[in-house]
Amino acid sequence: MSSSSSLEQRVAYLEIALRRARIMVSLLVLVGLVVLAAGFGSREGQVADEVRTHRLVVLDDSGHTRAVIGQDPAHVQRIARAAGLLLYDDKGNERGGFSTFGDGSVVIGLDAPVGVGAAMRDRIGLKVFPNGAAYVMLIDNQTGAVARLISEVGPDGARGVQVFKWIGSRPYVRTISYDGDVRDSTGR
């Protein structure tokens, strides 16, 4: 009898030990899930020393694209392929940007809203050319240059402030410099 009683005690002890082991495993799994959820759940306040990506899109509260940092697609319709920051209005229309170009130039451009003036919406342009020369240009709603500030003498010999008068599609240019005024009435 003592051997059967001893066996029953041992079985009872093993059953208790098995229950405790099941409870411990369940608690460990639960703690693991909580830790895992906490790790994935709250990313607020995380700071990375560096983020590498090909394109970064910033969305507003409504999910509309408001800014893009990246490179133009391979066959884009620009002077040269660009990489930089493009800004968009709340309707998703490009309104300006800051870009470096494949030809070595860098440009800041600001655009009129869609539907204001001519289809070509550039209105203010700042450009530094590959040779270091620079200009700032203001463009009206009919896409005619109004004024331009030029830093270096270019192929047309201009350096200074230029103002434009348009007669039809012909521009007439007055260049104001330290050395005096030059008026180009040839309408080049």
N, C-alpha and C. Protein backbone atom coordinates (compact mmCIF):
# COMPACT_ATOMS: atom_id res chain seq x y z
N MET A 1 0.82 -1.19 0.00
CA MET A 1 0.00 0.00 0.00
C MET A 1 0.86 1.25 0.00
N SER A 2 1.94 1.14 0.71
CA SER A 2 2.79 2.32 0.78
C SER A 2 3.38 2.66 -0.57
N SER A 3 3.61 1.67 -1.39
CA SER A 3 4.15 1.95 -2.70
C SER A 3 3.10 2.59 -3.60
N SER A 4 1.84 2.18 -3.49
CA SER A 4 0.78 2.79 -4.27
C SER A 4 0.49 4.19 -3.77
N SER A 5 0.56 4.39 -2.46
CA SER A 5 0.36 5.71 -1.89
C SER A 5 1.49 6.64 -2.33
N SER A 6 2.66 6.12 -2.35
CA SER A 6 3.81 6.91 -2.77
C SER A 6 3.68 7.27 -4.25
N LEU A 7 3.20 6.34 -5.03
CA LEU A 7 3.00 6.60 -6.45
C LEU A 7 1.92 7.65 -6.66
N GLU A 8 0.85 7.58 -5.90
CA GLU A 8 -0.22 8.58 -6.00
C GLU A 8 0.30 9.96 -5.60
N GLN A 9 1.12 10.03 -4.59
CA GLN A 9 1.68 11.31 -4.16
C GLN A 9 2.59 11.88 -5.26
N ARG A 10 3.37 11.00 -5.83
CA ARG A 10 4.27 11.46 -6.89
C ARG A 10 3.47 11.96 -8.10
N VAL A 11 2.40 11.27 -8.47
CA VAL A 11 1.55 11.68 -9.60
C VAL A 11 0.88 13.02 -9.27
N ALA A 12 0.39 13.15 -8.04
CA ALA A 12 -0.25 14.41 -7.62
C ALA A 12 0.76 15.55 -7.67
N TYR A 13 1.96 15.26 -7.21
CA TYR A 13 3.03 16.28 -7.22
C TYR A 13 3.35 16.67 -8.66
N LEU A 14 3.45 15.72 -9.55
CA LEU A 14 3.73 15.99 -10.97
C LEU A 14 2.60 16.78 -11.62
N GLU A 15 1.35 16.47 -11.26
CA GLU A 15 0.22 17.21 -11.81
C GLU A 15 0.28 18.67 -11.37
N ILE A 16 0.61 18.91 -10.10
CA ILE A 16 0.75 20.29 -9.59
C ILE A 16 1.90 20.99 -10.32
N ALA A 17 3.00 20.31 -10.48
CA ALA A 17 4.16 20.89 -11.16
C ALA A 17 3.82 21.21 -12.62
N LEU A 18 3.07 20.34 -13.27
CA LEU A 18 2.67 20.57 -14.66
C LEU A 18 1.77 21.79 -14.77
N ARG A 19 0.79 21.93 -13.84
CA ARG A 19 -0.08 23.12 -13.83
C ARG A 19 0.75 24.39 -13.66
N ARG A 20 1.69 24.36 -12.72
CA ARG A 20 2.54 25.54 -12.48
C ARG A 20 3.37 25.86 -13.73
N ALA A 21 3.89 24.84 -14.38
CA ALA A 21 4.69 25.06 -15.59
C ALA A 21 3.82 25.68 -16.70
N ARG A 22 2.59 25.18 -16.84
CA ARG A 22 1.68 25.75 -17.85
C ARG A 22 1.38 27.22 -17.54
N ILE A 23 1.15 27.54 -16.29
CA ILE A 23 0.88 28.93 -15.89
C ILE A 23 2.10 29.79 -16.18
N MET A 24 3.30 29.31 -15.86
CA MET A 24 4.53 30.08 -16.09
C MET A 24 4.76 30.32 -17.58
N VAL A 25 4.55 29.28 -18.39
CA VAL A 25 4.72 29.43 -19.84
C VAL A 25 3.70 30.42 -20.38
N SER A 26 2.47 30.34 -19.92
CA SER A 26 1.44 31.28 -20.36
C SER A 26 1.82 32.71 -19.99
N LEU A 27 2.30 32.91 -18.76
CA LEU A 27 2.73 34.25 -18.33
C LEU A 27 3.92 34.75 -19.15
N LEU A 28 4.88 33.88 -19.42
CA LEU A 28 6.03 34.27 -20.24
C LEU A 28 5.61 34.65 -21.65
N VAL A 29 4.71 33.89 -22.25
CA VAL A 29 4.19 34.23 -23.58
C VAL A 29 3.48 35.57 -23.54
N LEU A 30 2.66 35.80 -22.53
CA LEU A 30 1.95 37.07 -22.38
C LEU A 30 2.93 38.24 -22.23
N VAL A 31 3.94 38.09 -21.37
CA VAL A 31 4.95 39.14 -21.19
C VAL A 31 5.69 39.39 -22.50
N GLY A 32 6.03 38.32 -23.22
CA GLY A 32 6.71 38.46 -24.52
C GLY A 32 5.87 39.23 -25.52
N LEU A 33 4.58 38.93 -25.56
CA LEU A 33 3.69 39.65 -26.47
C LEU A 33 3.56 41.12 -26.09
N VAL A 34 3.49 41.41 -24.80
CA VAL A 34 3.41 42.80 -24.35
C VAL A 34 4.68 43.56 -24.73
N VAL A 35 5.84 42.95 -24.51
CA VAL A 35 7.11 43.59 -24.86
C VAL A 35 7.18 43.80 -26.37
N LEU A 36 6.79 42.81 -27.13
CA LEU A 36 6.81 42.92 -28.59
C LEU A 36 5.86 44.02 -29.06
N ALA A 37 4.68 44.08 -28.52
CA ALA A 37 3.71 45.12 -28.89
C ALA A 37 4.22 46.50 -28.51
N ALA A 38 4.84 46.61 -27.36
CA ALA A 38 5.37 47.91 -26.94
C ALA A 38 6.48 48.36 -27.86
N GLY A 39 7.28 47.42 -28.32
CA GLY A 39 8.37 47.77 -29.23
C GLY A 39 7.88 48.26 -30.58
N PHE A 40 6.80 47.68 -31.10
CA PHE A 40 6.28 48.08 -32.39
C PHE A 40 5.24 49.18 -32.29
N GLY A 41 4.59 49.30 -31.16
CA GLY A 41 3.48 50.22 -31.03
C GLY A 41 3.87 51.67 -30.95
N SER A 42 4.82 52.02 -30.15
CA SER A 42 5.14 53.43 -29.93
C SER A 42 6.49 53.77 -30.52
N ARG A 43 6.47 54.46 -31.65
CA ARG A 43 7.69 54.90 -32.31
C ARG A 43 7.95 56.38 -32.06
N GLU A 44 7.08 57.03 -31.33
CA GLU A 44 7.20 58.45 -31.08
C GLU A 44 8.49 58.75 -30.33
N GLY A 45 9.20 59.76 -30.80
CA GLY A 45 10.40 60.18 -30.12
C GLY A 45 11.65 59.45 -30.58
N GLN A 46 11.52 58.49 -31.50
CA GLN A 46 12.71 57.81 -31.98
C GLN A 46 13.48 58.73 -32.90
N VAL A 47 14.78 58.72 -32.77
CA VAL A 47 15.65 59.54 -33.60
C VAL A 47 16.69 58.63 -34.24
N ALA A 48 16.86 58.78 -35.54
CA ALA A 48 17.89 58.02 -36.25
C ALA A 48 18.99 58.99 -36.68
N ASP A 49 20.21 58.55 -36.62
CA ASP A 49 21.31 59.40 -37.06
C ASP A 49 21.29 59.60 -38.57
N GLU A 50 20.77 58.65 -39.30
CA GLU A 50 20.75 58.73 -40.75
C GLU A 50 19.59 57.91 -41.29
N VAL A 51 18.92 58.45 -42.31
CA VAL A 51 17.86 57.72 -43.00
C VAL A 51 18.23 57.71 -44.48
N ARG A 52 18.26 56.54 -45.08
CA ARG A 52 18.60 56.43 -46.50
C ARG A 52 17.36 55.95 -47.26
N THR A 53 17.04 56.69 -48.31
CA THR A 53 15.90 56.31 -49.14
C THR A 53 16.07 56.93 -50.51
N HIS A 54 15.33 56.45 -51.49
CA HIS A 54 15.37 57.04 -52.82
C HIS A 54 14.35 58.17 -52.95
N ARG A 55 13.31 58.11 -52.16
CA ARG A 55 12.24 59.10 -52.28
C ARG A 55 11.52 59.21 -50.94
N LEU A 56 11.24 60.45 -50.54
CA LEU A 56 10.51 60.71 -49.30
C LEU A 56 9.31 61.57 -49.65
N VAL A 57 8.12 61.12 -49.29
CA VAL A 57 6.89 61.84 -49.58
C VAL A 57 6.28 62.28 -48.25
N VAL A 58 5.96 63.59 -48.13
CA VAL A 58 5.33 64.13 -46.93
C VAL A 58 3.86 64.37 -47.24
N LEU A 59 2.99 63.81 -46.41
CA LEU A 59 1.55 63.93 -46.61
C LEU A 59 0.94 64.87 -45.58
N ASP A 60 -0.16 65.55 -45.95
CA ASP A 60 -0.88 66.37 -44.98
C ASP A 60 -1.88 65.50 -44.22
N ASP A 61 -2.69 66.13 -43.37
CA ASP A 61 -3.66 65.39 -42.56
C ASP A 61 -4.69 64.63 -43.40
N SER A 62 -4.92 65.10 -44.63
CA SER A 62 -5.90 64.46 -45.51
C SER A 62 -5.29 63.39 -46.40
N GLY A 63 -4.00 63.18 -46.28
CA GLY A 63 -3.33 62.18 -47.09
C GLY A 63 -2.84 62.69 -48.44
N HIS A 64 -2.92 64.02 -48.68
CA HIS A 64 -2.44 64.60 -49.94
C HIS A 64 -0.93 64.84 -49.86
N THR A 65 -0.25 64.62 -50.97
CA THR A 65 1.19 64.89 -51.04
C THR A 65 1.41 66.38 -50.96
N ARG A 66 2.28 66.81 -50.04
CA ARG A 66 2.60 68.24 -49.88
C ARG A 66 4.06 68.54 -50.19
N ALA A 67 4.93 67.54 -50.07
CA ALA A 67 6.35 67.71 -50.39
C ALA A 67 6.93 66.37 -50.77
N VAL A 68 7.88 66.42 -51.70
CA VAL A 68 8.58 65.22 -52.13
C VAL A 68 10.06 65.54 -52.20
N ILE A 69 10.88 64.69 -51.60
CA ILE A 69 12.32 64.79 -51.75
C ILE A 69 12.74 63.57 -52.55
N GLY A 70 13.38 63.80 -53.69
CA GLY A 70 13.78 62.67 -54.52
C GLY A 70 14.36 63.13 -55.83
N GLN A 71 14.51 62.18 -56.75
CA GLN A 71 15.06 62.45 -58.07
C GLN A 71 13.97 62.27 -59.12
N ASP A 72 14.06 63.07 -60.20
CA ASP A 72 13.13 62.93 -61.31
C ASP A 72 13.22 61.53 -61.91
N PRO A 73 12.12 61.06 -62.51
CA PRO A 73 12.21 59.82 -63.28
C PRO A 73 13.21 60.00 -64.44
N ALA A 74 13.66 58.93 -65.03
CA ALA A 74 14.72 58.97 -66.04
C ALA A 74 14.39 59.85 -67.25
N HIS A 75 13.15 59.90 -67.69
CA HIS A 75 12.82 60.62 -68.93
C HIS A 75 11.87 61.78 -68.66
N VAL A 76 12.20 62.63 -67.71
CA VAL A 76 11.33 63.75 -67.34
C VAL A 76 11.51 64.90 -68.33
N GLN A 77 10.48 65.73 -68.47
CA GLN A 77 10.52 66.87 -69.38
C GLN A 77 11.03 68.11 -68.64
N ARG A 78 12.32 68.20 -68.42
CA ARG A 78 12.96 69.37 -67.82
C ARG A 78 14.23 69.65 -68.60
N ILE A 79 14.89 70.75 -68.27
CA ILE A 79 16.16 71.10 -68.92
C ILE A 79 17.16 69.97 -68.74
N ALA A 80 17.22 69.42 -67.55
CA ALA A 80 18.07 68.28 -67.22
C ALA A 80 17.41 67.55 -66.06
N ARG A 81 17.79 66.32 -65.83
CA ARG A 81 17.24 65.54 -64.73
C ARG A 81 17.61 66.20 -63.41
N ALA A 82 16.64 66.28 -62.49
CA ALA A 82 16.83 67.01 -61.24
C ALA A 82 16.62 66.11 -60.03
N ALA A 83 17.25 66.52 -58.93
CA ALA A 83 17.01 65.89 -57.63
C ALA A 83 16.86 67.01 -56.62
N GLY A 84 15.86 66.91 -55.75
CA GLY A 84 15.66 67.98 -54.78
C GLY A 84 14.33 67.87 -54.08
N LEU A 85 13.81 69.03 -53.69
CA LEU A 85 12.58 69.14 -52.93
C LEU A 85 11.52 69.80 -53.80
N LEU A 86 10.38 69.14 -53.96
CA LEU A 86 9.25 69.71 -54.68
C LEU A 86 8.12 69.96 -53.69
N LEU A 87 7.46 71.11 -53.81
CA LEU A 87 6.36 71.49 -52.92
C LEU A 87 5.04 71.46 -53.70
N TYR A 88 3.98 71.02 -53.03
CA TYR A 88 2.67 70.89 -53.67
C TYR A 88 1.62 71.61 -52.84
N ASP A 89 0.57 72.12 -53.53
CA ASP A 89 -0.53 72.75 -52.80
C ASP A 89 -1.49 71.67 -52.30
N ASP A 90 -2.56 72.10 -51.63
CA ASP A 90 -3.48 71.13 -51.04
C ASP A 90 -4.31 70.37 -52.07
N LYS A 91 -4.20 70.75 -53.36
CA LYS A 91 -4.89 70.03 -54.43
C LYS A 91 -3.95 69.06 -55.15
N GLY A 92 -2.68 69.03 -54.74
CA GLY A 92 -1.71 68.12 -55.34
C GLY A 92 -0.95 68.69 -56.52
N ASN A 93 -1.06 70.01 -56.76
CA ASN A 93 -0.36 70.64 -57.87
C ASN A 93 1.00 71.16 -57.41
N GLU A 94 2.02 70.93 -58.24
CA GLU A 94 3.36 71.42 -57.92
C GLU A 94 3.33 72.95 -57.85
N ARG A 95 3.90 73.52 -56.79
CA ARG A 95 3.93 74.98 -56.62
C ARG A 95 5.34 75.53 -56.53
N GLY A 96 6.33 74.66 -56.51
CA GLY A 96 7.70 75.15 -56.48
C GLY A 96 8.66 74.06 -56.10
N GLY A 97 9.93 74.44 -56.10
CA GLY A 97 10.92 73.45 -55.73
C GLY A 97 12.31 74.02 -55.62
N PHE A 98 13.18 73.20 -55.11
CA PHE A 98 14.60 73.52 -54.94
C PHE A 98 15.35 72.29 -55.41
N SER A 99 16.09 72.41 -56.52
CA SER A 99 16.68 71.22 -57.13
C SER A 99 18.08 71.46 -57.64
N THR A 100 18.86 70.39 -57.66
CA THR A 100 20.12 70.37 -58.38
C THR A 100 19.87 69.59 -59.66
N PHE A 101 20.51 70.02 -60.75
CA PHE A 101 20.28 69.40 -62.04
C PHE A 101 21.50 68.62 -62.51
N GLY A 102 21.26 67.68 -63.42
CA GLY A 102 22.33 66.86 -63.97
C GLY A 102 23.35 67.66 -64.75
N ASP A 103 23.00 68.87 -65.20
CA ASP A 103 23.96 69.70 -65.93
C ASP A 103 24.86 70.52 -65.01
N GLY A 104 24.69 70.36 -63.67
CA GLY A 104 25.54 71.09 -62.72
C GLY A 104 24.93 72.37 -62.18
N SER A 105 23.72 72.72 -62.60
CA SER A 105 23.08 73.94 -62.12
C SER A 105 22.20 73.62 -60.91
N VAL A 106 21.81 74.68 -60.21
CA VAL A 106 20.90 74.55 -59.08
C VAL A 106 19.82 75.62 -59.24
N VAL A 107 18.57 75.28 -58.92
CA VAL A 107 17.44 76.17 -59.21
C VAL A 107 16.46 76.18 -58.05
N ILE A 108 15.89 77.34 -57.78
CA ILE A 108 14.72 77.49 -56.92
C ILE A 108 13.64 78.10 -57.80
N GLY A 109 12.50 77.46 -57.87
CA GLY A 109 11.41 77.97 -58.69
C GLY A 109 10.11 78.00 -57.90
N LEU A 110 9.33 79.04 -58.12
CA LEU A 110 8.02 79.16 -57.49
C LEU A 110 6.98 79.34 -58.58
N ASP A 111 5.88 78.62 -58.48
CA ASP A 111 4.87 78.56 -59.53
C ASP A 111 3.56 79.22 -59.10
N ALA A 112 2.83 79.73 -60.11
CA ALA A 112 1.48 80.25 -59.88
C ALA A 112 0.53 79.07 -59.66
N PRO A 113 -0.61 79.31 -59.02
CA PRO A 113 -1.60 78.23 -58.87
C PRO A 113 -2.11 77.79 -60.24
N VAL A 114 -2.57 76.56 -60.34
CA VAL A 114 -3.18 76.07 -61.58
C VAL A 114 -4.37 76.95 -61.92
N GLY A 115 -4.46 77.33 -63.19
CA GLY A 115 -5.59 78.14 -63.64
C GLY A 115 -5.34 79.64 -63.57
N VAL A 116 -4.20 80.06 -63.04
CA VAL A 116 -3.87 81.49 -62.99
C VAL A 116 -2.85 81.78 -64.07
N GLY A 117 -3.24 82.55 -65.07
CA GLY A 117 -2.33 82.89 -66.15
C GLY A 117 -2.15 81.74 -67.13
N ALA A 118 -1.02 81.78 -67.83
CA ALA A 118 -0.72 80.79 -68.86
C ALA A 118 -0.46 79.41 -68.25
N ALA A 119 -0.49 78.41 -69.11
CA ALA A 119 -0.28 77.04 -68.65
C ALA A 119 1.10 76.82 -68.04
N MET A 120 2.13 77.49 -68.58
CA MET A 120 3.46 77.42 -67.99
C MET A 120 3.41 78.30 -66.75
N ARG A 121 3.51 77.70 -65.54
CA ARG A 121 3.20 78.40 -64.30
C ARG A 121 4.41 78.98 -63.57
N ASP A 122 5.63 78.84 -64.11
CA ASP A 122 6.80 79.42 -63.44
C ASP A 122 6.61 80.94 -63.30
N ARG A 123 6.88 81.47 -62.11
CA ARG A 123 6.73 82.91 -61.90
C ARG A 123 7.97 83.57 -61.28
N ILE A 124 8.71 82.84 -60.48
CA ILE A 124 9.96 83.35 -59.93
C ILE A 124 11.00 82.25 -60.08
N GLY A 125 12.16 82.60 -60.62
CA GLY A 125 13.22 81.62 -60.77
C GLY A 125 14.54 82.18 -60.27
N LEU A 126 15.25 81.38 -59.52
CA LEU A 126 16.61 81.70 -59.09
C LEU A 126 17.47 80.56 -59.59
N LYS A 127 18.56 80.89 -60.27
CA LYS A 127 19.38 79.83 -60.85
C LYS A 127 20.85 80.17 -60.72
N VAL A 128 21.65 79.16 -60.39
CA VAL A 128 23.09 79.25 -60.44
C VAL A 128 23.53 78.24 -61.49
N PHE A 129 24.25 78.73 -62.51
CA PHE A 129 24.69 77.90 -63.62
C PHE A 129 25.95 77.10 -63.25
N PRO A 130 26.30 76.10 -64.05
CA PRO A 130 27.50 75.31 -63.76
C PRO A 130 28.78 76.15 -63.68
N ASN A 131 28.83 77.29 -64.39
CA ASN A 131 30.02 78.14 -64.35
C ASN A 131 30.00 79.14 -63.19
N GLY A 132 28.97 79.07 -62.33
CA GLY A 132 28.89 79.96 -61.17
C GLY A 132 28.07 81.22 -61.41
N ALA A 133 27.74 81.54 -62.65
CA ALA A 133 26.91 82.70 -62.94
C ALA A 133 25.51 82.44 -62.36
N ALA A 134 24.80 83.54 -62.04
CA ALA A 134 23.49 83.39 -61.42
C ALA A 134 22.52 84.44 -61.94
N TYR A 135 21.23 84.13 -61.81
CA TYR A 135 20.21 85.14 -62.09
C TYR A 135 18.98 84.90 -61.24
N VAL A 136 18.20 85.96 -61.10
CA VAL A 136 16.89 85.93 -60.47
C VAL A 136 15.93 86.50 -61.51
N MET A 137 14.84 85.80 -61.80
CA MET A 137 13.91 86.28 -62.82
C MET A 137 12.48 86.27 -62.31
N LEU A 138 11.75 87.33 -62.65
CA LEU A 138 10.31 87.44 -62.38
C LEU A 138 9.58 87.29 -63.70
N ILE A 139 8.52 86.49 -63.70
CA ILE A 139 7.77 86.19 -64.92
C ILE A 139 6.30 86.53 -64.69
N ASP A 140 5.66 87.16 -65.68
CA ASP A 140 4.25 87.53 -65.50
C ASP A 140 3.32 86.36 -65.84
N ASN A 141 2.02 86.58 -65.71
CA ASN A 141 1.03 85.52 -65.93
C ASN A 141 0.90 85.11 -67.40
N GLN A 142 1.49 85.88 -68.32
CA GLN A 142 1.50 85.49 -69.72
C GLN A 142 2.83 84.82 -70.08
N THR A 143 3.63 84.51 -69.08
CA THR A 143 4.95 83.86 -69.16
C THR A 143 6.02 84.74 -69.80
N GLY A 144 5.82 86.04 -69.78
CA GLY A 144 6.86 86.93 -70.26
C GLY A 144 7.73 87.38 -69.11
N ALA A 145 9.04 87.43 -69.36
CA ALA A 145 9.95 87.93 -68.33
C ALA A 145 9.63 89.39 -68.06
N VAL A 146 9.61 89.78 -66.80
CA VAL A 146 9.36 91.16 -66.40
C VAL A 146 10.67 91.81 -66.00
N ALA A 147 11.45 91.12 -65.18
CA ALA A 147 12.73 91.64 -64.73
C ALA A 147 13.67 90.48 -64.43
N ARG A 148 14.98 90.76 -64.59
CA ARG A 148 15.98 89.74 -64.31
C ARG A 148 17.23 90.43 -63.77
N LEU A 149 17.80 89.85 -62.73
CA LEU A 149 19.05 90.31 -62.14
C LEU A 149 20.11 89.29 -62.52
N ILE A 150 21.16 89.74 -63.22
CA ILE A 150 22.18 88.83 -63.75
C ILE A 150 23.53 89.13 -63.10
N SER A 151 24.22 88.08 -62.64
CA SER A 151 25.48 88.29 -61.91
C SER A 151 26.71 88.34 -62.79
N GLU A 152 26.71 87.69 -63.93
CA GLU A 152 27.90 87.62 -64.77
C GLU A 152 27.56 88.02 -66.20
N VAL A 153 28.57 88.49 -66.92
CA VAL A 153 28.37 88.80 -68.33
C VAL A 153 28.18 87.50 -69.08
N GLY A 154 27.07 87.40 -69.76
CA GLY A 154 26.75 86.19 -70.50
C GLY A 154 27.05 86.34 -71.97
N PRO A 155 26.58 85.40 -72.79
CA PRO A 155 26.85 85.44 -74.24
C PRO A 155 26.30 86.69 -74.91
N ASP A 156 25.21 87.24 -74.36
CA ASP A 156 24.63 88.45 -74.96
C ASP A 156 25.23 89.73 -74.38
N GLY A 157 26.26 89.59 -73.54
CA GLY A 157 26.96 90.76 -72.98
C GLY A 157 26.24 91.42 -71.83
N ALA A 158 25.16 90.84 -71.34
CA ALA A 158 24.38 91.49 -70.29
C ALA A 158 24.90 91.14 -68.90
N ARG A 159 24.93 92.16 -68.03
CA ARG A 159 25.20 91.99 -66.60
C ARG A 159 24.55 93.16 -65.91
N GLY A 160 23.73 92.88 -64.91
CA GLY A 160 23.05 93.96 -64.20
C GLY A 160 21.59 93.61 -64.03
N VAL A 161 20.76 94.66 -64.07
CA VAL A 161 19.32 94.47 -63.93
C VAL A 161 18.70 94.66 -65.31
N GLN A 162 17.89 93.69 -65.72
CA GLN A 162 17.19 93.80 -66.99
C GLN A 162 15.71 93.95 -66.73
N VAL A 163 15.07 94.84 -67.47
CA VAL A 163 13.62 94.94 -67.46
C VAL A 163 13.15 94.70 -68.89
N PHE A 164 11.98 94.10 -69.01
CA PHE A 164 11.49 93.67 -70.31
C PHE A 164 10.20 94.38 -70.66
N LYS A 165 10.05 94.68 -71.94
CA LYS A 165 8.79 95.18 -72.49
C LYS A 165 8.45 94.25 -73.63
N TRP A 166 7.23 93.78 -73.62
CA TRP A 166 6.81 92.83 -74.65
C TRP A 166 5.83 93.51 -75.60
N ILE A 167 6.12 93.44 -76.88
CA ILE A 167 5.19 93.88 -77.91
C ILE A 167 4.88 92.64 -78.74
N GLY A 168 3.69 92.10 -78.49
CA GLY A 168 3.35 90.80 -79.08
C GLY A 168 4.25 89.75 -78.45
N SER A 169 4.94 89.00 -79.29
CA SER A 169 5.84 87.97 -78.78
C SER A 169 7.30 88.43 -78.80
N ARG A 170 7.52 89.73 -79.10
CA ARG A 170 8.88 90.26 -79.19
C ARG A 170 9.27 90.96 -77.89
N PRO A 171 10.35 90.50 -77.26
CA PRO A 171 10.82 91.19 -76.05
C PRO A 171 11.76 92.34 -76.40
N TYR A 172 11.61 93.43 -75.70
CA TYR A 172 12.55 94.55 -75.77
C TYR A 172 13.16 94.65 -74.38
N VAL A 173 14.48 94.72 -74.33
CA VAL A 173 15.19 94.59 -73.06
C VAL A 173 15.97 95.85 -72.77
N ARG A 174 15.85 96.32 -71.55
CA ARG A 174 16.67 97.42 -71.06
C ARG A 174 17.55 96.84 -69.96
N THR A 175 18.86 96.94 -70.13
CA THR A 175 19.81 96.44 -69.15
C THR A 175 20.42 97.64 -68.43
N ILE A 176 20.28 97.65 -67.14
CA ILE A 176 20.80 98.73 -66.31
C ILE A 176 22.00 98.16 -65.54
N SER A 177 23.15 98.82 -65.72
CA SER A 177 24.35 98.39 -65.01
C SER A 177 25.07 99.60 -64.46
N TYR A 178 26.12 99.36 -63.74
CA TYR A 178 26.91 100.46 -63.17
C TYR A 178 27.45 101.36 -64.26
N ASP A 179 27.76 100.76 -65.41
CA ASP A 179 28.35 101.53 -66.52
C ASP A 179 27.31 102.25 -67.37
N GLY A 180 26.04 102.06 -67.11
CA GLY A 180 25.01 102.76 -67.86
C GLY A 180 23.92 101.82 -68.33
N ASP A 181 23.02 102.39 -69.14
CA ASP A 181 21.87 101.63 -69.64
C ASP A 181 22.11 101.21 -71.09
N VAL A 182 21.60 100.03 -71.41
CA VAL A 182 21.62 99.56 -72.80
C VAL A 182 20.21 99.12 -73.12
N ARG A 183 19.71 99.61 -74.25
CA ARG A 183 18.37 99.19 -74.69
C ARG A 183 18.52 98.36 -75.95
N ASP A 184 17.92 97.20 -75.92
CA ASP A 184 17.93 96.29 -77.05
C ASP A 184 16.57 96.40 -77.71
N SER A 185 16.51 97.11 -78.82
CA SER A 185 15.23 97.28 -79.51
C SER A 185 15.12 96.35 -80.69
N THR A 186 16.06 95.40 -80.80
CA THR A 186 16.00 94.48 -81.93
C THR A 186 14.96 93.39 -81.72
N GLY A 187 14.53 93.21 -80.48
CA GLY A 187 13.49 92.22 -80.21
C GLY A 187 13.96 90.81 -80.41
N ARG A 188 15.21 90.51 -80.04
CA ARG A 188 15.74 89.14 -80.18
C ARG A 188 14.92 88.14 -79.43
